[in-house]
């Protein structure tokens, strides 16, 4: 024969459930807010006279496809076009 469990104090049980739910919400919100704080490393390059994004990407891209790497450079540096200037500093992924 199984023993039946009965709630003796429903108010305490409801308060316990409420506090547990609040604690879970707090832990979840803290972990989500820290998820965006991941530090990304990047390399900085100063543009020389005559340099193009294509040449810079070819030199530093590693195994990444060159068009994808140029897209990442443009996105990372908020560039609307491939126009760059001598002396300009670019962050490379």
N, C-alpha and C. Protein backbone atom coordinates (compact mmCIF):
# COMPACT_ATOMS: atom_id res chain seq x y z
N UNK A 1 0.84 -1.18 0.00
CA UNK A 1 0.00 0.00 0.00
C UNK A 1 0.89 1.25 0.00
N UNK A 2 0.57 2.16 -0.90
CA UNK A 2 1.33 3.40 -1.02
C UNK A 2 0.85 4.43 -0.02
N UNK A 3 1.84 5.20 0.44
CA UNK A 3 1.49 6.28 1.36
C UNK A 3 1.07 7.49 0.57
N UNK A 4 0.00 8.11 0.93
CA UNK A 4 -0.50 9.30 0.28
C UNK A 4 0.06 10.54 0.95
N UNK A 5 0.48 11.47 0.12
CA UNK A 5 0.98 12.73 0.66
C UNK A 5 -0.13 13.77 0.60
N UNK A 6 -0.21 14.53 1.68
CA UNK A 6 -1.20 15.59 1.76
C UNK A 6 -0.51 16.90 2.07
N UNK A 7 -1.00 17.93 1.45
CA UNK A 7 -0.51 19.26 1.78
C UNK A 7 -1.15 19.71 3.08
N UNK A 8 -0.32 20.08 4.01
CA UNK A 8 -0.86 20.54 5.29
C UNK A 8 -1.08 22.04 5.28
N UNK A 9 -0.20 22.76 4.54
CA UNK A 9 -0.33 24.20 4.50
C UNK A 9 -0.17 24.66 3.05
N UNK A 10 -1.29 24.92 2.42
CA UNK A 10 -1.27 25.29 1.00
C UNK A 10 -0.63 26.65 0.77
N UNK A 11 -0.77 27.56 1.69
CA UNK A 11 -0.18 28.89 1.54
C UNK A 11 1.34 28.82 1.52
N UNK A 12 1.94 28.02 2.40
CA UNK A 12 3.39 27.88 2.42
C UNK A 12 3.88 27.22 1.12
N UNK A 13 3.14 26.24 0.64
CA UNK A 13 3.51 25.56 -0.59
C UNK A 13 3.43 26.52 -1.78
N UNK A 14 2.41 27.34 -1.84
CA UNK A 14 2.26 28.32 -2.91
C UNK A 14 3.38 29.36 -2.83
N UNK A 15 3.74 29.79 -1.62
CA UNK A 15 4.83 30.74 -1.45
C UNK A 15 6.16 30.12 -1.90
N UNK A 16 6.36 28.85 -1.58
CA UNK A 16 7.56 28.14 -2.00
C UNK A 16 7.64 28.06 -3.53
N UNK A 17 6.54 27.72 -4.18
CA UNK A 17 6.53 27.66 -5.64
C UNK A 17 6.79 29.03 -6.26
N UNK A 18 6.20 30.06 -5.70
CA UNK A 18 6.39 31.42 -6.19
C UNK A 18 7.85 31.84 -6.07
N UNK A 19 8.46 31.60 -4.92
CA UNK A 19 9.86 31.96 -4.71
C UNK A 19 10.78 31.16 -5.64
N UNK A 20 10.47 29.90 -5.85
CA UNK A 20 11.27 29.08 -6.76
C UNK A 20 11.17 29.61 -8.19
N UNK A 21 9.98 29.99 -8.62
CA UNK A 21 9.79 30.53 -9.95
C UNK A 21 10.55 31.85 -10.11
N UNK A 22 10.51 32.72 -9.10
CA UNK A 22 11.25 33.98 -9.15
C UNK A 22 12.75 33.74 -9.24
N UNK A 23 13.23 32.79 -8.48
CA UNK A 23 14.65 32.48 -8.50
C UNK A 23 15.07 31.95 -9.88
N UNK A 24 14.27 31.09 -10.47
CA UNK A 24 14.58 30.56 -11.81
C UNK A 24 14.55 31.67 -12.86
N UNK A 25 13.61 32.58 -12.76
CA UNK A 25 13.57 33.72 -13.69
C UNK A 25 14.80 34.60 -13.54
N UNK A 26 15.22 34.84 -12.31
CA UNK A 26 16.39 35.67 -12.06
C UNK A 26 17.65 35.01 -12.63
N UNK A 27 17.84 33.74 -12.36
CA UNK A 27 19.01 33.03 -12.86
C UNK A 27 19.01 33.01 -14.39
N UNK A 28 17.86 32.80 -14.99
CA UNK A 28 17.76 32.80 -16.45
C UNK A 28 18.08 34.15 -17.05
N UNK A 29 17.59 35.22 -16.44
CA UNK A 29 17.86 36.56 -16.98
C UNK A 29 19.32 36.95 -16.83
N UNK A 30 19.95 36.54 -15.74
CA UNK A 30 21.38 36.83 -15.54
C UNK A 30 22.21 36.08 -16.56
N UNK A 31 21.88 34.83 -16.80
CA UNK A 31 22.67 34.05 -17.76
C UNK A 31 22.46 34.57 -19.18
N UNK A 32 21.27 35.05 -19.52
CA UNK A 32 21.04 35.61 -20.85
C UNK A 32 21.74 36.94 -21.03
N UNK A 33 21.79 37.74 -19.98
CA UNK A 33 22.44 39.04 -20.10
C UNK A 33 23.95 38.89 -20.23
N UNK A 34 24.52 37.83 -19.69
CA UNK A 34 25.96 37.60 -19.80
C UNK A 34 26.33 36.90 -21.10
N UNK A 35 25.35 36.39 -21.83
CA UNK A 35 25.64 35.67 -23.06
C UNK A 35 26.21 36.59 -24.14
N UNK A 36 25.86 37.85 -24.14
CA UNK A 36 26.35 38.78 -25.14
C UNK A 36 27.70 39.40 -24.81
N UNK A 37 28.28 39.07 -23.68
CA UNK A 37 29.54 39.67 -23.25
C UNK A 37 30.75 38.85 -23.66
N UNK A 38 30.63 38.09 -24.72
CA UNK A 38 31.74 37.28 -25.18
C UNK A 38 32.72 38.19 -25.91
N UNK A 39 33.97 38.14 -25.50
CA UNK A 39 34.97 38.99 -26.14
C UNK A 39 35.45 38.32 -27.42
N UNK A 40 35.47 39.09 -28.48
CA UNK A 40 35.99 38.59 -29.74
C UNK A 40 37.32 39.26 -30.01
N UNK A 41 38.26 38.48 -30.47
CA UNK A 41 39.57 39.02 -30.78
C UNK A 41 39.61 39.41 -32.25
N UNK A 42 40.29 40.49 -32.53
CA UNK A 42 40.45 40.92 -33.90
C UNK A 42 41.83 41.53 -34.08
N UNK A 43 42.22 41.65 -35.30
CA UNK A 43 43.51 42.19 -35.69
C UNK A 43 43.27 43.57 -36.30
N UNK A 44 44.16 44.51 -36.05
CA UNK A 44 44.05 45.85 -36.65
C UNK A 44 45.11 46.01 -37.72
N UNK A 45 44.69 46.60 -38.84
CA UNK A 45 45.59 46.83 -39.96
C UNK A 45 45.42 48.28 -40.40
N UNK A 46 46.53 48.97 -40.65
CA UNK A 46 46.49 50.32 -41.19
C UNK A 46 46.61 50.22 -42.70
N UNK A 47 45.71 50.89 -43.39
CA UNK A 47 45.67 50.84 -44.85
C UNK A 47 46.79 51.69 -45.42
N UNK A 48 47.54 51.11 -46.36
CA UNK A 48 48.61 51.84 -47.06
C UNK A 48 48.08 52.34 -48.40
N UNK A 49 48.82 53.27 -49.01
CA UNK A 49 48.44 53.81 -50.31
C UNK A 49 48.38 52.68 -51.34
N UNK A 50 47.28 52.56 -52.04
CA UNK A 50 47.12 51.54 -53.07
C UNK A 50 46.51 50.23 -52.59
N UNK A 51 46.31 50.06 -51.27
CA UNK A 51 45.71 48.82 -50.75
C UNK A 51 44.23 48.75 -51.11
N UNK A 52 43.74 47.56 -51.31
CA UNK A 52 42.30 47.33 -51.53
C UNK A 52 41.82 46.30 -50.53
N UNK A 53 40.52 46.25 -50.33
CA UNK A 53 39.96 45.24 -49.43
C UNK A 53 40.29 43.84 -49.92
N UNK A 54 40.29 43.67 -51.23
CA UNK A 54 40.57 42.35 -51.81
C UNK A 54 41.99 41.89 -51.44
N UNK A 55 42.98 42.80 -51.55
CA UNK A 55 44.36 42.47 -51.20
C UNK A 55 44.52 42.18 -49.72
N UNK A 56 43.90 43.02 -48.90
CA UNK A 56 43.99 42.83 -47.45
C UNK A 56 43.34 41.51 -47.05
N UNK A 57 42.17 41.22 -47.61
CA UNK A 57 41.48 39.97 -47.30
C UNK A 57 42.30 38.78 -47.77
N UNK A 58 42.93 38.88 -48.94
CA UNK A 58 43.76 37.79 -49.45
C UNK A 58 44.94 37.50 -48.54
N UNK A 59 45.45 38.54 -47.90
CA UNK A 59 46.62 38.38 -47.04
C UNK A 59 46.27 37.77 -45.67
N UNK A 60 45.09 38.12 -45.12
CA UNK A 60 44.77 37.76 -43.74
C UNK A 60 43.61 36.76 -43.58
N UNK A 61 43.01 36.31 -44.64
CA UNK A 61 41.78 35.52 -44.52
C UNK A 61 41.97 34.10 -44.01
N UNK A 62 43.15 33.54 -44.13
CA UNK A 62 43.36 32.16 -43.71
C UNK A 62 42.63 31.22 -44.65
N UNK A 63 41.76 30.35 -44.10
CA UNK A 63 41.02 29.40 -44.91
C UNK A 63 39.63 29.86 -45.30
N UNK A 64 39.27 31.07 -44.90
CA UNK A 64 37.93 31.59 -45.19
C UNK A 64 37.83 32.01 -46.65
N UNK A 65 36.66 31.82 -47.23
CA UNK A 65 36.41 32.25 -48.61
C UNK A 65 36.54 33.77 -48.67
N UNK A 66 37.21 34.29 -49.69
CA UNK A 66 37.61 35.71 -49.72
C UNK A 66 36.42 36.67 -49.72
N UNK A 67 35.36 36.34 -50.43
CA UNK A 67 34.19 37.23 -50.46
C UNK A 67 33.51 37.29 -49.10
N UNK A 68 33.46 36.16 -48.43
CA UNK A 68 32.87 36.11 -47.08
C UNK A 68 33.72 36.92 -46.11
N UNK A 69 35.06 36.84 -46.26
CA UNK A 69 35.96 37.58 -45.38
C UNK A 69 35.83 39.09 -45.62
N UNK A 70 35.70 39.51 -46.87
CA UNK A 70 35.50 40.93 -47.18
C UNK A 70 34.18 41.41 -46.59
N UNK A 71 33.14 40.58 -46.67
CA UNK A 71 31.86 40.94 -46.08
C UNK A 71 32.01 41.15 -44.57
N UNK A 72 32.74 40.27 -43.91
CA UNK A 72 32.95 40.39 -42.47
C UNK A 72 33.74 41.66 -42.13
N UNK A 73 34.76 41.98 -42.94
CA UNK A 73 35.54 43.21 -42.72
C UNK A 73 34.63 44.43 -42.84
N UNK A 74 33.83 44.46 -43.89
CA UNK A 74 32.93 45.60 -44.10
C UNK A 74 31.93 45.72 -42.97
N UNK A 75 31.38 44.62 -42.53
CA UNK A 75 30.40 44.64 -41.44
C UNK A 75 31.05 45.07 -40.12
N UNK A 76 32.24 44.57 -39.85
CA UNK A 76 32.93 44.87 -38.60
C UNK A 76 33.34 46.34 -38.51
N UNK A 77 33.64 46.96 -39.66
CA UNK A 77 34.10 48.35 -39.70
C UNK A 77 33.03 49.33 -40.16
N UNK A 78 31.80 48.86 -40.28
CA UNK A 78 30.67 49.70 -40.71
C UNK A 78 30.94 50.40 -42.04
N UNK A 79 31.43 49.64 -43.01
CA UNK A 79 31.70 50.19 -44.33
C UNK A 79 30.52 49.90 -45.25
N UNK A 80 30.07 50.92 -45.98
CA UNK A 80 28.97 50.74 -46.93
C UNK A 80 29.47 50.25 -48.29
N UNK A 81 30.72 50.59 -48.60
CA UNK A 81 31.29 50.18 -49.89
C UNK A 81 32.70 49.65 -49.64
N UNK A 82 33.37 49.30 -50.72
CA UNK A 82 34.74 48.78 -50.62
C UNK A 82 35.77 49.90 -50.64
N UNK A 83 35.33 51.15 -50.55
CA UNK A 83 36.22 52.30 -50.61
C UNK A 83 36.93 52.48 -49.27
N UNK A 84 38.27 52.39 -49.30
CA UNK A 84 39.07 52.61 -48.09
C UNK A 84 40.16 53.62 -48.43
N UNK A 85 40.70 54.25 -47.39
CA UNK A 85 41.67 55.34 -47.55
C UNK A 85 42.98 55.00 -46.87
N UNK A 86 44.07 55.52 -47.41
CA UNK A 86 45.39 55.35 -46.79
C UNK A 86 45.37 55.98 -45.40
N UNK A 87 45.92 55.26 -44.43
CA UNK A 87 45.93 55.75 -43.05
C UNK A 87 44.76 55.26 -42.22
N UNK A 88 43.75 54.76 -42.88
CA UNK A 88 42.56 54.24 -42.19
C UNK A 88 42.93 52.94 -41.47
N UNK A 89 42.41 52.76 -40.25
CA UNK A 89 42.65 51.53 -39.50
C UNK A 89 41.44 50.63 -39.64
N UNK A 90 41.67 49.39 -40.06
CA UNK A 90 40.60 48.41 -40.21
C UNK A 90 40.78 47.31 -39.18
N UNK A 91 39.68 46.89 -38.60
CA UNK A 91 39.68 45.73 -37.71
C UNK A 91 39.35 44.50 -38.56
N UNK A 92 40.17 43.47 -38.42
CA UNK A 92 39.98 42.25 -39.18
C UNK A 92 39.55 41.12 -38.26
N UNK A 93 38.57 40.33 -38.69
CA UNK A 93 38.13 39.20 -37.85
C UNK A 93 39.18 38.10 -37.80
